Amino acid sequence: MIRYLLLPLLAATPAAAFTAQNDMRVIPTGNAAFSVPWNGDSAPTAFWCAAGDYVIRDLGQPPYTRIYRTSPVPRQSGQPMDFALSAQTSVGDTGLALFGSDDGGVSAAFAQNFCNDLHDDNN
């Protein structure tokens, strides 16, 4: 009985979706672009954690790969955050408090580092 209840849930999840360390899904949208749907955590760092984790662990890109935010800042409540590996579609703002200039992008390693906050909270 339970397996029949789970079938619609499995069908609703895109086959290519990646689940990041923070349990946020990352969905490829084409042309080296991807989206991180809202899952109840609205902190920009949660979205960036998922983006960095996806680029490094799923795409296999080097940690210095730049990730650019392509969705407007600020993100509206309940909306996804969109990213790309190309600066051409960058909105020019990460939505993060950064020292220095903000071109809308950070390295994958910098983004993935936000996942460490999860592990620090569990200690």
N, C-alpha and C. Protein backbone atom coordinates (compact mmCIF):
# COMPACT_ATOMS: atom_id res chain seq x y z
N MET A 1 0.81 -1.19 0.00
CA MET A 1 0.00 0.00 0.00
C MET A 1 0.87 1.26 0.00
N ILE A 2 1.88 1.27 0.87
CA ILE A 2 2.74 2.45 0.96
C ILE A 2 3.46 2.70 -0.36
N ARG A 3 3.91 1.64 -1.02
CA ARG A 3 4.64 1.85 -2.27
C ARG A 3 3.76 2.51 -3.32
N TYR A 4 2.46 2.25 -3.31
CA TYR A 4 1.54 2.88 -4.26
C TYR A 4 1.35 4.36 -3.94
N LEU A 5 1.49 4.72 -2.68
CA LEU A 5 1.40 6.13 -2.29
C LEU A 5 2.66 6.89 -2.68
N LEU A 6 3.79 6.22 -2.72
CA LEU A 6 5.06 6.86 -3.06
C LEU A 6 5.25 7.05 -4.56
N LEU A 7 4.59 6.27 -5.37
CA LEU A 7 4.76 6.37 -6.82
C LEU A 7 4.50 7.78 -7.35
N PRO A 8 3.43 8.47 -6.97
CA PRO A 8 3.23 9.83 -7.48
C PRO A 8 4.35 10.79 -7.04
N LEU A 9 4.87 10.59 -5.84
CA LEU A 9 5.96 11.44 -5.37
C LEU A 9 7.22 11.23 -6.20
N LEU A 10 7.51 9.99 -6.51
CA LEU A 10 8.69 9.69 -7.32
C LEU A 10 8.53 10.22 -8.73
N ALA A 11 7.34 10.16 -9.26
CA ALA A 11 7.08 10.65 -10.61
C ALA A 11 7.19 12.16 -10.67
N ALA A 12 6.92 12.84 -9.56
CA ALA A 12 6.94 14.30 -9.54
C ALA A 12 8.36 14.85 -9.44
N THR A 13 9.33 14.04 -9.06
CA THR A 13 10.71 14.48 -8.93
C THR A 13 11.43 14.23 -10.24
N PRO A 14 12.00 15.28 -10.84
CA PRO A 14 12.72 15.08 -12.09
C PRO A 14 13.86 14.07 -11.91
N ALA A 15 14.02 13.22 -12.90
CA ALA A 15 15.03 12.16 -12.83
C ALA A 15 16.44 12.74 -12.71
N ALA A 16 16.66 13.90 -13.27
CA ALA A 16 17.99 14.49 -13.27
C ALA A 16 18.25 15.35 -12.04
N ALA A 17 17.30 15.42 -11.12
CA ALA A 17 17.48 16.26 -9.93
C ALA A 17 18.59 15.70 -9.05
N PHE A 18 19.32 16.60 -8.42
CA PHE A 18 20.41 16.27 -7.50
C PHE A 18 19.99 16.76 -6.12
N THR A 19 20.25 15.98 -5.09
CA THR A 19 19.96 16.41 -3.72
C THR A 19 21.27 16.78 -3.05
N ALA A 20 21.36 18.02 -2.62
CA ALA A 20 22.58 18.54 -2.00
C ALA A 20 22.67 18.10 -0.54
N GLN A 21 23.80 18.40 0.07
CA GLN A 21 24.05 18.04 1.47
C GLN A 21 22.99 18.58 2.41
N ASN A 22 22.40 19.72 2.07
CA ASN A 22 21.40 20.34 2.93
C ASN A 22 19.98 19.92 2.56
N ASP A 23 19.86 18.85 1.77
CA ASP A 23 18.57 18.28 1.34
C ASP A 23 17.79 19.16 0.38
N MET A 24 18.41 20.19 -0.16
CA MET A 24 17.75 20.99 -1.19
C MET A 24 18.00 20.33 -2.54
N ARG A 25 16.99 20.37 -3.40
CA ARG A 25 17.11 19.77 -4.73
C ARG A 25 17.70 20.79 -5.70
N VAL A 26 18.43 20.29 -6.67
CA VAL A 26 18.97 21.11 -7.75
C VAL A 26 18.49 20.49 -9.05
N ILE A 27 17.87 21.31 -9.88
CA ILE A 27 17.29 20.83 -11.12
C ILE A 27 17.98 21.50 -12.31
N PRO A 28 18.64 20.72 -13.17
CA PRO A 28 19.25 21.29 -14.37
C PRO A 28 18.16 21.89 -15.26
N THR A 29 18.45 23.06 -15.82
CA THR A 29 17.48 23.72 -16.71
C THR A 29 18.03 23.92 -18.11
N GLY A 30 19.24 23.43 -18.38
CA GLY A 30 19.83 23.53 -19.71
C GLY A 30 20.87 24.61 -19.83
N ASN A 31 21.76 24.47 -20.82
CA ASN A 31 22.81 25.47 -21.09
C ASN A 31 23.65 25.81 -19.85
N ALA A 32 24.09 24.80 -19.12
CA ALA A 32 24.89 24.99 -17.90
C ALA A 32 24.18 25.87 -16.88
N ALA A 33 22.85 25.77 -16.85
CA ALA A 33 22.04 26.51 -15.89
C ALA A 33 21.26 25.52 -15.04
N PHE A 34 20.89 25.96 -13.84
CA PHE A 34 20.13 25.09 -12.94
C PHE A 34 19.36 25.93 -11.94
N SER A 35 18.39 25.29 -11.31
CA SER A 35 17.51 25.96 -10.37
C SER A 35 17.47 25.20 -9.05
N VAL A 36 17.39 25.95 -7.95
CA VAL A 36 17.26 25.35 -6.63
C VAL A 36 15.90 25.80 -6.08
N PRO A 37 14.92 24.89 -6.07
CA PRO A 37 13.59 25.24 -5.55
C PRO A 37 13.62 25.51 -4.05
N TRP A 38 12.73 26.36 -3.62
CA TRP A 38 12.55 26.65 -2.20
C TRP A 38 12.05 25.41 -1.51
N ASN A 39 12.54 25.13 -0.31
CA ASN A 39 12.09 23.95 0.44
C ASN A 39 11.74 24.26 1.88
N GLY A 40 11.53 25.52 2.18
CA GLY A 40 11.23 25.91 3.55
C GLY A 40 12.35 26.71 4.18
N ASP A 41 13.57 26.60 3.65
CA ASP A 41 14.71 27.37 4.15
C ASP A 41 14.92 28.53 3.18
N SER A 42 14.75 29.74 3.67
CA SER A 42 14.81 30.89 2.78
C SER A 42 16.15 31.62 2.79
N ALA A 43 17.11 31.14 3.58
CA ALA A 43 18.41 31.81 3.65
C ALA A 43 19.14 31.68 2.31
N PRO A 44 19.67 32.78 1.78
CA PRO A 44 20.43 32.70 0.54
C PRO A 44 21.59 31.70 0.61
N THR A 45 22.18 31.57 1.79
CA THR A 45 23.30 30.64 1.94
C THR A 45 22.88 29.19 1.70
N ALA A 46 21.64 28.85 2.00
CA ALA A 46 21.15 27.48 1.76
C ALA A 46 21.10 27.20 0.26
N PHE A 47 20.66 28.17 -0.53
CA PHE A 47 20.60 28.01 -1.98
C PHE A 47 22.01 27.92 -2.56
N TRP A 48 22.92 28.77 -2.07
CA TRP A 48 24.29 28.74 -2.56
C TRP A 48 25.00 27.45 -2.18
N CYS A 49 24.73 26.93 -0.97
CA CYS A 49 25.28 25.63 -0.56
C CYS A 49 24.89 24.57 -1.58
N ALA A 50 23.61 24.51 -1.91
CA ALA A 50 23.12 23.51 -2.87
C ALA A 50 23.77 23.69 -4.24
N ALA A 51 23.91 24.95 -4.66
CA ALA A 51 24.52 25.23 -5.97
C ALA A 51 25.97 24.78 -6.01
N GLY A 52 26.75 25.13 -5.00
CA GLY A 52 28.15 24.74 -4.96
C GLY A 52 28.33 23.24 -4.86
N ASP A 53 27.51 22.60 -4.05
CA ASP A 53 27.57 21.15 -3.90
C ASP A 53 27.26 20.45 -5.22
N TYR A 54 26.26 20.95 -5.93
CA TYR A 54 25.87 20.39 -7.23
C TYR A 54 27.01 20.51 -8.25
N VAL A 55 27.60 21.69 -8.33
CA VAL A 55 28.65 21.92 -9.33
C VAL A 55 29.87 21.04 -9.06
N ILE A 56 30.23 20.88 -7.79
CA ILE A 56 31.41 20.09 -7.46
C ILE A 56 31.12 18.58 -7.47
N ARG A 57 30.07 18.16 -6.76
CA ARG A 57 29.84 16.72 -6.60
C ARG A 57 29.07 16.08 -7.75
N ASP A 58 28.12 16.80 -8.36
CA ASP A 58 27.34 16.18 -9.43
C ASP A 58 27.94 16.46 -10.81
N LEU A 59 28.30 17.72 -11.06
CA LEU A 59 28.87 18.05 -12.36
C LEU A 59 30.35 17.70 -12.46
N GLY A 60 31.01 17.52 -11.31
CA GLY A 60 32.42 17.17 -11.31
C GLY A 60 33.33 18.31 -11.73
N GLN A 61 32.88 19.53 -11.56
CA GLN A 61 33.68 20.70 -11.93
C GLN A 61 34.68 21.03 -10.82
N PRO A 62 35.78 21.67 -11.17
CA PRO A 62 36.78 22.04 -10.16
C PRO A 62 36.21 23.09 -9.19
N PRO A 63 36.75 23.14 -7.97
CA PRO A 63 36.25 24.06 -6.95
C PRO A 63 36.30 25.54 -7.34
N TYR A 64 37.21 25.90 -8.25
CA TYR A 64 37.32 27.30 -8.64
C TYR A 64 36.30 27.72 -9.70
N THR A 65 35.46 26.81 -10.17
CA THR A 65 34.43 27.11 -11.16
C THR A 65 33.52 28.21 -10.62
N ARG A 66 33.27 29.22 -11.42
CA ARG A 66 32.39 30.32 -11.00
C ARG A 66 30.92 29.95 -11.23
N ILE A 67 30.10 30.28 -10.25
CA ILE A 67 28.66 30.10 -10.31
C ILE A 67 28.04 31.48 -10.24
N TYR A 68 27.09 31.76 -11.12
CA TYR A 68 26.45 33.07 -11.17
C TYR A 68 24.96 32.96 -10.88
N ARG A 69 24.48 33.89 -10.10
CA ARG A 69 23.04 33.95 -9.82
C ARG A 69 22.36 34.59 -11.02
N THR A 70 21.27 33.97 -11.48
CA THR A 70 20.55 34.49 -12.64
C THR A 70 19.12 34.92 -12.31
N SER A 71 18.68 34.69 -11.09
CA SER A 71 17.33 35.13 -10.69
C SER A 71 17.44 36.44 -9.92
N PRO A 72 16.38 37.26 -9.98
CA PRO A 72 16.42 38.59 -9.37
C PRO A 72 16.67 38.56 -7.86
N VAL A 73 17.31 39.62 -7.40
CA VAL A 73 17.56 39.84 -5.98
C VAL A 73 16.64 40.99 -5.56
N PRO A 74 15.90 40.88 -4.48
CA PRO A 74 15.79 39.73 -3.61
C PRO A 74 14.84 38.68 -4.18
N ARG A 75 15.03 37.45 -3.72
CA ARG A 75 14.16 36.35 -4.12
C ARG A 75 12.86 36.48 -3.35
N GLN A 76 11.76 36.32 -4.04
CA GLN A 76 10.45 36.38 -3.39
C GLN A 76 10.21 35.11 -2.59
N SER A 77 9.46 35.22 -1.51
CA SER A 77 9.16 34.07 -0.66
C SER A 77 8.56 32.92 -1.46
N GLY A 78 9.10 31.74 -1.27
CA GLY A 78 8.61 30.55 -1.94
C GLY A 78 9.14 30.35 -3.35
N GLN A 79 9.94 31.27 -3.84
CA GLN A 79 10.48 31.19 -5.19
C GLN A 79 11.83 30.46 -5.20
N PRO A 80 12.17 29.85 -6.34
CA PRO A 80 13.49 29.20 -6.45
C PRO A 80 14.58 30.25 -6.63
N MET A 81 15.81 29.81 -6.57
CA MET A 81 16.95 30.65 -6.93
C MET A 81 17.61 29.97 -8.12
N ASP A 82 17.89 30.73 -9.16
CA ASP A 82 18.44 30.18 -10.40
C ASP A 82 19.90 30.58 -10.55
N PHE A 83 20.67 29.66 -11.16
CA PHE A 83 22.11 29.84 -11.31
C PHE A 83 22.56 29.41 -12.69
N ALA A 84 23.77 29.85 -13.07
CA ALA A 84 24.39 29.41 -14.32
C ALA A 84 25.90 29.44 -14.15
N LEU A 85 26.58 28.74 -15.03
CA LEU A 85 28.04 28.74 -15.02
C LEU A 85 28.60 29.78 -15.97
N SER A 86 27.73 30.59 -16.54
CA SER A 86 28.13 31.64 -17.47
C SER A 86 27.77 33.00 -16.90
N ALA A 87 28.68 33.94 -16.99
CA ALA A 87 28.43 35.29 -16.48
C ALA A 87 27.46 36.07 -17.36
N GLN A 88 27.19 35.59 -18.55
CA GLN A 88 26.33 36.32 -19.49
C GLN A 88 24.93 36.57 -18.96
N THR A 89 24.39 35.65 -18.17
CA THR A 89 23.03 35.81 -17.67
C THR A 89 22.97 36.23 -16.21
N SER A 90 24.12 36.59 -15.65
CA SER A 90 24.18 36.99 -14.24
C SER A 90 23.37 38.25 -14.01
N VAL A 91 22.70 38.31 -12.85
CA VAL A 91 21.96 39.52 -12.46
C VAL A 91 22.90 40.53 -11.82
N GLY A 92 24.15 40.15 -11.61
CA GLY A 92 25.14 41.08 -11.08
C GLY A 92 25.10 41.24 -9.57
N ASP A 93 24.40 40.37 -8.87
CA ASP A 93 24.29 40.45 -7.42
C ASP A 93 24.05 39.04 -6.89
N THR A 94 24.83 38.63 -5.91
CA THR A 94 24.68 37.28 -5.35
C THR A 94 23.56 37.19 -4.33
N GLY A 95 23.22 38.32 -3.71
CA GLY A 95 22.27 38.30 -2.61
C GLY A 95 22.95 37.98 -1.29
N LEU A 96 24.29 37.91 -1.32
CA LEU A 96 25.09 37.63 -0.14
C LEU A 96 25.81 38.90 0.28
N ALA A 97 26.16 39.01 1.56
CA ALA A 97 26.97 40.12 2.04
C ALA A 97 28.43 39.75 1.79
N LEU A 98 29.03 40.38 0.79
CA LEU A 98 30.40 40.07 0.40
C LEU A 98 31.28 41.30 0.54
N PHE A 99 32.55 41.09 0.87
CA PHE A 99 33.53 42.17 0.87
C PHE A 99 34.07 42.31 -0.54
N GLY A 100 34.22 43.52 -1.01
CA GLY A 100 34.71 43.75 -2.36
C GLY A 100 33.56 43.81 -3.35
N SER A 101 33.89 43.70 -4.62
CA SER A 101 32.86 43.81 -5.66
C SER A 101 32.03 42.54 -5.73
N ASP A 102 30.79 42.71 -6.18
CA ASP A 102 29.86 41.59 -6.33
C ASP A 102 29.41 41.56 -7.78
N ASP A 103 29.90 40.57 -8.53
CA ASP A 103 29.54 40.46 -9.95
C ASP A 103 28.41 39.45 -10.16
N GLY A 104 27.83 39.00 -9.05
CA GLY A 104 26.75 38.02 -9.14
C GLY A 104 27.22 36.59 -9.07
N GLY A 105 28.53 36.40 -8.87
CA GLY A 105 29.06 35.04 -8.85
C GLY A 105 30.08 34.82 -7.76
N VAL A 106 30.23 33.55 -7.41
CA VAL A 106 31.26 33.12 -6.46
C VAL A 106 31.81 31.78 -6.95
N SER A 107 32.91 31.34 -6.39
CA SER A 107 33.45 30.04 -6.77
C SER A 107 32.57 28.93 -6.18
N ALA A 108 32.61 27.78 -6.81
CA ALA A 108 31.84 26.64 -6.32
C ALA A 108 32.28 26.27 -4.91
N ALA A 109 33.57 26.35 -4.64
CA ALA A 109 34.08 26.02 -3.30
C ALA A 109 33.55 26.99 -2.26
N PHE A 110 33.51 28.29 -2.59
CA PHE A 110 32.97 29.29 -1.67
C PHE A 110 31.51 28.98 -1.37
N ALA A 111 30.74 28.68 -2.41
CA ALA A 111 29.32 28.36 -2.25
C ALA A 111 29.13 27.09 -1.43
N GLN A 112 29.89 26.05 -1.76
CA GLN A 112 29.75 24.78 -1.05
C GLN A 112 30.15 24.92 0.41
N ASN A 113 31.02 25.87 0.71
CA ASN A 113 31.45 26.09 2.09
C ASN A 113 30.27 26.44 3.00
N PHE A 114 29.20 27.00 2.45
CA PHE A 114 28.02 27.30 3.27
C PHE A 114 27.40 26.02 3.80
N CYS A 115 27.67 24.89 3.20
CA CYS A 115 27.16 23.60 3.69
C CYS A 115 27.80 23.24 5.02
N ASN A 116 28.99 23.77 5.29
CA ASN A 116 29.68 23.48 6.55
C ASN A 116 28.88 23.97 7.75
N ASP A 117 28.06 25.01 7.56
CA ASP A 117 27.23 25.51 8.65
C ASP A 117 26.30 24.42 9.15
N LEU A 118 25.85 23.54 8.27
CA LEU A 118 24.99 22.42 8.67
C LEU A 118 25.71 21.50 9.63
N HIS A 119 26.95 21.18 9.29
CA HIS A 119 27.72 20.25 10.10
C HIS A 119 28.15 20.88 11.42
N ASP A 120 28.39 22.19 11.42
CA ASP A 120 28.76 22.88 12.65
C ASP A 120 27.60 22.89 13.65
N ASP A 121 26.36 22.99 13.16
CA ASP A 121 25.18 23.02 14.02
C ASP A 121 24.94 21.67 14.69
N ASN A 122 25.45 20.61 14.12
CA ASN A 122 25.22 19.27 14.67
C ASN A 122 26.26 18.87 15.70
N ASN A 123 27.23 19.72 15.97
CA ASN A 123 28.29 19.39 16.94
C ASN A 123 27.98 19.96 18.29
